[in-house]
């Protein structure tokens, strides 16, 4: 140790006492390889103190008093005239202390690493894991309940869904024809651009799609496109991603979402524009439903230039087309909002 070599020849006079009841005696103190050597005036060793186990009783004061660590009965004092020896002992104690293992520091480092790992899991892994679990366990009936709750919150901005006894029958028939189930379509007076979808398989339709076109296959095409959007992006997943982890925990623990959360997401939905759908998948859907794609294509682009593939798909189809809705039902459906 460099510090030991530097003070190897250093000696000083001190007062040593082995036990409290004994008189202090003058001794010669020198620094050995690993210990402080205490000797009498004839250079006969009286004690050896390990450098690694020396404690100071009065830091920063004189006379400087030392004792073996854990044994305060034996003592050694240096006056201010021996400040060089005191300085040497203090430096050696600091060097030795720095080289000691620091179990507390290791525990601190390990604890910090564990805490950092937990925080990382909480921030990056847990939200997605909890959300995925919720998507697996939330039943379809609860999804429909959430969808209906969102629709209720939307109504303050979009108006109450249109209702008519005769037209509702036509709406259910269109729902059965396109979606394979009744009561999955809702017509809104305003709010949604053309169509939108909600958890539980609900499809929202703007009233203009019914009132501005003479062919029911137009609105059928919009519904088909919206079902593809719903398949490509789980509506409940998008909602939980928007509302955050706390709302996911609330849904899992109570089975409910707060009114504020539902309202906030309902308002968000009304501001969203429909995303693009894969053209080839859409053509496949038209073919599977035995529906003409051309009416929908011309509704998107009256010139047909941007939707030529959809128009040409009708000519290439080998299926027998079937109308999405009989004329008498279509006429009734067009008046569902009183139009």
Protein backbone atom coordinates (compact mmCIF):
# COMPACT_ATOMS: atom_id res chain seq x y z
CA UNK A 1 0.00 0.00 0.00
CA UNK A 2 1.56 3.32 -1.06
CA UNK A 3 0.30 5.17 2.01
CA UNK A 4 1.93 2.59 4.33
CA UNK A 5 5.29 2.90 2.60
CA UNK A 6 5.17 6.68 2.93
CA UNK A 7 4.74 6.50 6.72
CA UNK A 8 6.81 3.36 7.38
CA UNK A 9 9.59 5.31 9.18
CA UNK A 10 7.32 7.74 11.01
CA UNK A 11 7.54 7.69 14.81
CA UNK A 12 5.90 9.79 17.50
CA UNK A 13 5.61 10.03 21.25
CA UNK A 14 2.27 9.28 22.83
CA UNK A 15 0.56 8.40 26.09
CA UNK A 16 -0.72 4.85 26.29
CA UNK A 17 -2.92 3.16 28.88
CA UNK A 18 -3.90 -0.52 28.66
CA UNK A 19 -6.74 -0.30 31.18
CA UNK A 20 -8.68 2.63 32.65
CA UNK A 21 -7.38 2.00 36.20
CA UNK A 22 -3.72 2.15 35.11
CA UNK A 23 -1.56 5.24 34.81
CA UNK A 24 -0.83 6.56 31.35
CA UNK A 25 2.73 5.97 30.26
CA UNK A 26 4.88 7.59 27.63
CA UNK A 27 5.45 5.34 24.62
CA UNK A 28 7.01 5.41 21.18
CA UNK A 29 4.52 4.81 18.39
CA UNK A 30 5.56 3.73 14.89
CA UNK A 31 3.75 2.52 11.80
CA UNK A 32 4.28 -1.12 10.81
CA UNK A 33 3.15 -3.06 7.74
CA UNK A 34 -0.35 -3.68 9.03
CA UNK A 35 -0.33 -2.28 12.53
CA UNK A 36 0.48 0.57 14.80
CA UNK A 37 3.38 -0.52 17.06
CA UNK A 38 3.43 0.78 20.61
CA UNK A 39 6.80 0.37 22.40
CA UNK A 40 8.44 1.64 25.58
CA UNK A 41 11.52 3.86 25.75
CA UNK A 42 13.76 0.80 25.41
CA UNK A 43 12.01 -0.17 22.16
CA UNK A 44 10.25 -3.13 23.73
CA UNK A 45 6.85 -3.71 22.08
CA UNK A 46 3.90 -3.21 24.40
CA UNK A 47 1.01 -3.56 21.95
CA UNK A 48 0.15 -3.87 18.30
CA UNK A 49 -2.99 -2.18 16.99
CA UNK A 50 -4.34 -3.28 13.64
CA UNK A 51 -4.48 -0.32 11.27
CA UNK A 52 -7.80 -1.63 10.03
CA UNK A 53 -9.31 -1.50 13.53
CA UNK A 54 -8.33 1.85 14.99
CA UNK A 55 -11.08 4.22 16.14
CA UNK A 56 -10.74 7.87 17.18
CA UNK A 57 -12.67 8.96 20.24
CA UNK A 58 -12.58 12.73 19.57
CA UNK A 59 -12.36 13.52 15.83
CA UNK A 60 -10.80 16.92 15.09
CA UNK A 61 -9.72 17.60 18.68
CA UNK A 62 -6.44 17.49 20.63
CA UNK A 63 -5.08 15.66 22.37
CA UNK A 64 -6.12 13.10 19.78
CA UNK A 65 -7.39 9.97 21.53
CA UNK A 66 -7.46 6.56 19.83
CA UNK A 67 -8.52 3.09 20.88
CA UNK A 68 -8.91 -0.33 19.24
CA UNK A 69 -12.26 -0.53 17.50
CA UNK A 70 -14.66 -2.21 19.91
CA UNK A 71 -12.38 -1.82 22.96
CA UNK A 72 -12.53 1.67 24.46
CA UNK A 73 -10.66 0.65 27.64
CA UNK A 74 -7.24 0.72 26.01
CA UNK A 75 -6.26 4.16 24.79
CA UNK A 76 -3.52 6.12 23.07
CA UNK A 77 -3.16 9.91 23.05
CA UNK A 78 -1.18 12.29 20.90
CA UNK A 79 -0.61 15.96 21.70
CA UNK A 80 -0.80 18.64 19.06
CA UNK A 81 2.98 18.49 18.72
CA UNK A 82 2.57 15.05 17.15
CA UNK A 83 0.13 16.32 14.53
CA UNK A 84 2.13 14.63 11.77
CA UNK A 85 1.47 11.18 13.28
CA UNK A 86 -2.21 12.03 13.79
CA UNK A 87 -2.42 13.16 10.17
CA UNK A 88 -0.78 9.90 9.05
CA UNK A 89 -3.12 7.73 11.12
CA UNK A 90 -6.17 9.57 9.81
CA UNK A 91 -5.02 9.18 6.21
CA UNK A 92 -4.35 5.47 6.69
CA UNK A 93 -7.79 5.01 8.25
CA UNK A 94 -9.42 6.71 5.24
CA UNK A 95 -7.46 4.61 2.73
CA UNK A 96 -8.33 1.38 4.55
CA UNK A 97 -11.99 2.40 4.86
CA UNK A 98 -12.24 3.06 1.12
CA UNK A 99 -10.86 -0.39 0.38
CA UNK A 100 -13.23 -2.19 2.69
CA UNK A 101 -16.18 -4.05 1.10
CA UNK A 102 -19.32 -1.94 1.29
CA UNK A 103 -22.22 -4.40 1.77
CA UNK A 104 -24.59 -1.51 2.38
CA UNK A 105 -23.59 0.09 -0.89
CA UNK A 106 -23.99 -3.20 -2.70
CA UNK A 107 -27.45 -3.59 -1.22
CA UNK A 108 -28.23 -0.06 -2.32
CA UNK A 109 -27.07 -0.78 -5.87
CA UNK A 110 -29.05 -4.04 -5.99
CA UNK A 111 -32.12 -2.32 -4.57
CA UNK A 112 -31.80 0.46 -7.14
CA UNK A 113 -31.52 -2.08 -9.96
CA UNK A 114 -34.58 -3.94 -8.70
CA UNK A 115 -36.52 -0.70 -8.38
CA UNK A 116 -35.47 0.35 -11.89
CA UNK A 117 -36.54 -3.03 -13.26
CA UNK A 118 -39.92 -2.79 -11.53
CA UNK A 119 -40.41 0.74 -12.85
CA UNK A 120 -39.48 -0.36 -16.37
CA UNK A 121 -41.96 -3.24 -16.18
CA UNK A 122 -44.63 -0.92 -14.83
CA UNK A 123 -44.07 1.61 -17.59
CA UNK A 124 -43.39 -0.56 -20.63
CA UNK A 125 -44.68 -4.09 -19.99
CA UNK A 126 -47.54 -3.96 -17.50
CA UNK A 127 -49.91 -1.60 -19.39
CA UNK A 128 -49.78 -3.74 -22.52
CA UNK A 129 -49.99 -6.98 -20.56
CA UNK A 130 -53.00 -5.80 -18.57
CA UNK A 131 -54.69 -4.52 -21.70
CA UNK A 132 -54.13 -7.83 -23.54
CA UNK A 133 -55.56 -9.70 -20.57
CA UNK A 134 -58.64 -7.48 -20.53
CA UNK A 135 -59.21 -8.05 -24.25
CA UNK A 136 -59.13 -11.80 -23.64
CA UNK A 137 -61.49 -11.90 -20.68
CA UNK A 138 -64.06 -9.19 -21.43
CA UNK A 139 -67.08 -11.10 -22.83
CA UNK A 140 -68.97 -10.06 -25.93
CA UNK A 141 -72.01 -9.03 -23.89
CA UNK A 142 -69.84 -6.58 -21.93
CA UNK A 143 -68.35 -5.23 -25.16
CA UNK A 144 -71.86 -4.58 -26.45
CA UNK A 145 -72.76 -2.88 -23.18
CA UNK A 146 -69.73 -0.60 -23.53
CA UNK A 147 -70.63 0.14 -27.13
CA UNK A 148 -74.18 1.11 -26.17
CA UNK A 149 -72.85 3.32 -23.37
CA UNK A 150 -70.55 5.10 -25.82
CA UNK A 151 -73.47 5.58 -28.20
CA UNK A 152 -75.46 7.17 -25.39
CA UNK A 153 -72.61 9.61 -24.69
CA UNK A 154 -72.33 10.42 -28.39
CA UNK A 155 -75.99 11.32 -28.59
CA UNK A 156 -75.45 14.67 -26.88
CA UNK A 157 -73.34 15.72 -29.88
CA UNK A 158 -74.65 13.62 -32.76
CA UNK A 159 -78.31 13.47 -31.78
CA UNK A 160 -80.29 10.47 -30.61
CA UNK A 161 -80.17 7.49 -33.00
CA UNK A 162 -83.06 7.66 -35.45
CA UNK A 163 -86.02 5.43 -34.71
CA UNK A 164 -89.14 4.43 -36.57
CA UNK A 165 -91.19 1.27 -36.04
CA UNK A 166 -91.49 0.49 -39.75
CA UNK A 167 -87.97 1.63 -40.62
CA UNK A 168 -86.39 -0.32 -37.77
CA UNK A 169 -87.63 -3.53 -39.35
CA UNK A 170 -85.86 -2.58 -42.58
CA UNK A 171 -82.70 -1.64 -40.62
CA UNK A 172 -82.68 -5.03 -38.91
CA UNK A 173 -83.11 -6.78 -42.24
CA UNK A 174 -80.11 -4.87 -43.66
CA UNK A 175 -78.12 -5.74 -40.52
CA UNK A 176 -78.99 -9.40 -40.90
CA UNK A 177 -78.11 -9.34 -44.60
CA UNK A 178 -74.68 -7.71 -44.20
CA UNK A 179 -73.59 -8.54 -40.64
CA UNK A 180 -75.43 -11.80 -40.02
CA UNK A 181 -77.16 -10.43 -36.91
CA UNK A 182 -79.91 -7.95 -36.12
CA UNK A 183 -79.68 -4.82 -33.98
CA UNK A 184 -76.10 -4.08 -34.98
CA UNK A 185 -76.81 -0.94 -37.05
CA UNK A 186 -77.60 2.52 -35.73
CA UNK A 187 -78.45 5.60 -37.81
CA UNK A 188 -77.27 8.95 -36.43
CA UNK A 189 -78.63 12.36 -37.50
CA UNK A 190 -75.09 13.83 -37.50
CA UNK A 191 -71.65 13.41 -35.95
CA UNK A 192 -69.98 10.52 -37.78
CA UNK A 193 -68.47 11.29 -41.23
CA UNK A 194 -70.15 8.32 -42.96
CA UNK A 195 -69.76 5.27 -40.76
CA UNK A 196 -68.00 4.25 -37.54
CA UNK A 197 -67.87 1.18 -35.34
CA UNK A 198 -68.10 0.63 -31.59
CA UNK A 199 -67.30 -2.29 -29.27
CA UNK A 200 -69.84 -5.09 -29.47
CA UNK A 201 -70.05 -5.06 -33.26
CA UNK A 202 -72.14 -1.87 -33.50
CA UNK A 203 -71.92 0.02 -36.81
CA UNK A 204 -72.98 3.68 -36.94
CA UNK A 205 -74.37 5.17 -40.16
CA UNK A 206 -74.81 8.82 -41.01
CA UNK A 207 -78.39 9.53 -42.15
CA UNK A 208 -77.10 11.09 -45.42
CA UNK A 209 -76.03 7.65 -46.68
CA UNK A 210 -79.68 6.67 -46.60
CA UNK A 211 -81.22 9.89 -47.84
CA UNK A 212 -78.77 10.94 -50.59
CA UNK A 213 -78.64 7.70 -52.60
CA UNK A 214 -81.30 5.72 -54.41
CA UNK A 215 -79.48 2.39 -54.24
CA UNK A 216 -79.29 0.47 -50.94
CA UNK A 217 -76.08 -1.18 -52.19
CA UNK A 218 -74.29 2.12 -51.54
CA UNK A 219 -74.89 2.01 -47.80
CA UNK A 220 -74.25 -1.75 -47.87
CA UNK A 221 -70.81 -1.00 -49.31
CA UNK A 222 -70.07 1.52 -46.57
CA UNK A 223 -71.11 -1.05 -43.96
CA UNK A 224 -68.84 -3.69 -45.52
CA UNK A 225 -65.90 -1.27 -45.47
CA UNK A 226 -66.56 -0.46 -41.81
CA UNK A 227 -66.66 -4.15 -40.85
CA UNK A 228 -63.19 -4.49 -42.37
CA UNK A 229 -61.96 -1.58 -40.26
CA UNK A 230 -63.41 -3.26 -37.19
CA UNK A 231 -61.61 -6.51 -38.04
CA UNK A 232 -58.29 -4.77 -38.65
CA UNK A 233 -58.41 -2.75 -35.42
CA UNK A 234 -60.20 -4.05 -32.32
CA UNK A 235 -62.48 -1.21 -31.20
CA UNK A 236 -62.17 -2.12 -27.51
CA UNK A 237 -58.38 -2.22 -27.78
CA UNK A 238 -58.32 1.23 -29.36
CA UNK A 239 -60.56 2.52 -26.60
CA UNK A 240 -58.43 1.05 -23.78
CA UNK A 241 -55.24 2.37 -25.40
CA UNK A 242 -56.79 5.84 -25.50
CA UNK A 243 -58.24 5.85 -21.99
CA UNK A 244 -55.16 4.41 -20.24
CA UNK A 245 -54.14 1.70 -17.79
CA UNK A 246 -56.26 2.96 -14.88
CA UNK A 247 -59.43 2.53 -16.91
CA UNK A 248 -58.32 -1.02 -17.81
CA UNK A 249 -57.86 -1.86 -14.11
CA UNK A 250 -61.27 -0.38 -13.34
CA UNK A 251 -62.89 -2.45 -16.07
CA UNK A 252 -61.23 -5.64 -14.78
CA UNK A 253 -62.03 -5.02 -11.10
CA UNK A 254 -65.51 -3.48 -11.30
CA UNK A 255 -66.68 -4.41 -14.78
CA UNK A 256 -67.42 -0.75 -15.45
CA UNK A 257 -65.86 2.34 -17.02
CA UNK A 258 -66.36 5.78 -15.52
CA UNK A 259 -68.85 8.17 -17.07
CA UNK A 260 -66.04 10.68 -17.67
CA UNK A 261 -63.97 8.07 -19.53
CA UNK A 262 -66.89 7.07 -21.74
CA UNK A 263 -67.73 10.68 -22.54
CA UNK A 264 -64.12 11.56 -23.34
CA UNK A 265 -63.71 8.64 -25.73
CA UNK A 266 -67.12 9.21 -27.34
CA UNK A 267 -66.09 12.77 -28.17
CA UNK A 268 -62.77 11.49 -29.51
CA UNK A 269 -64.51 9.02 -31.82
CA UNK A 270 -66.67 11.70 -33.39
CA UNK A 271 -63.55 13.57 -34.48
CA UNK A 272 -61.95 10.59 -36.24
CA UNK A 273 -61.96 10.16 -40.02
CA UNK A 274 -62.45 6.66 -41.48
CA UNK A 275 -59.17 4.87 -42.18
CA UNK A 276 -58.35 3.33 -45.55
CA UNK A 277 -59.29 -0.30 -46.13
CA UNK A 278 -57.50 -2.85 -48.23
CA UNK A 279 -59.04 -2.76 -51.71
CA UNK A 280 -58.56 -6.46 -52.45
CA UNK A 281 -60.08 -7.51 -49.13
CA UNK A 282 -63.03 -5.22 -49.78
CA UNK A 283 -63.59 -6.75 -53.21
CA UNK A 284 -63.54 -10.19 -51.59
CA UNK A 285 -66.19 -9.04 -49.12
CA UNK A 286 -68.43 -7.80 -51.90
CA UNK A 287 -68.07 -11.13 -53.67
CA UNK A 288 -68.72 -13.14 -50.48
CA UNK A 289 -71.88 -11.10 -49.81
CA UNK A 290 -73.02 -11.33 -53.47
CA UNK A 291 -73.19 -7.54 -53.58
CA UNK A 292 -72.35 -5.14 -56.39
CA UNK A 293 -69.33 -2.94 -55.66
CA UNK A 294 -70.01 -0.35 -58.37
CA UNK A 295 -72.71 1.66 -56.51
CA UNK A 296 -70.35 2.09 -53.56
CA UNK A 297 -67.44 2.89 -55.89
CA UNK A 298 -69.35 5.70 -57.64
CA UNK A 299 -70.48 7.05 -54.26
CA UNK A 300 -66.83 7.43 -53.32
CA UNK A 301 -65.85 8.95 -56.66
CA UNK A 302 -68.58 10.01 -59.06
CA UNK A 303 -66.15 9.81 -61.99
CA UNK A 304 -65.08 6.29 -61.11
CA UNK A 305 -61.44 7.12 -61.83
CA UNK A 306 -60.21 6.56 -58.28
CA UNK A 307 -62.34 3.45 -57.72
CA UNK A 308 -61.97 1.73 -61.10
CA UNK A 309 -60.80 -1.54 -59.52
CA UNK A 310 -64.05 -1.83 -57.57
CA UNK A 311 -66.13 -1.12 -60.66
CA UNK A 312 -64.24 -3.63 -62.75
CA UNK A 313 -64.60 -6.24 -60.01
CA UNK A 314 -68.34 -6.43 -60.75
CA UNK A 315 -67.65 -7.33 -64.37
CA UNK A 316 -65.12 -9.98 -63.37
CA UNK A 317 -67.33 -11.52 -60.68
CA UNK A 318 -68.71 -15.01 -61.23
CA UNK A 319 -71.37 -14.79 -58.52
CA UNK A 320 -75.05 -14.01 -58.90
CA UNK A 321 -75.61 -10.59 -57.32
CA UNK A 322 -78.41 -10.17 -54.82
CA UNK A 323 -79.84 -6.79 -53.70
CA UNK A 324 -78.90 -5.76 -50.21
CA UNK A 325 -82.48 -4.75 -49.45
CA UNK A 326 -85.82 -5.04 -51.29
CA UNK A 327 -87.16 -1.74 -52.63
CA UNK A 328 -90.08 -1.51 -50.21
CA UNK A 329 -87.80 -1.93 -47.22
CA UNK A 330 -85.28 0.55 -48.66
CA UNK A 331 -87.96 3.22 -49.02
CA UNK A 332 -88.98 2.71 -45.42
CA UNK A 333 -85.35 2.83 -44.23
CA UNK A 334 -84.75 6.14 -46.02
CA UNK A 335 -87.36 7.78 -43.76
CA UNK A 336 -85.97 6.48 -40.45
CA UNK A 337 -84.81 9.99 -39.45
CA UNK A 338 -88.05 11.57 -40.68
CA UNK A 339 -86.56 12.49 -44.05
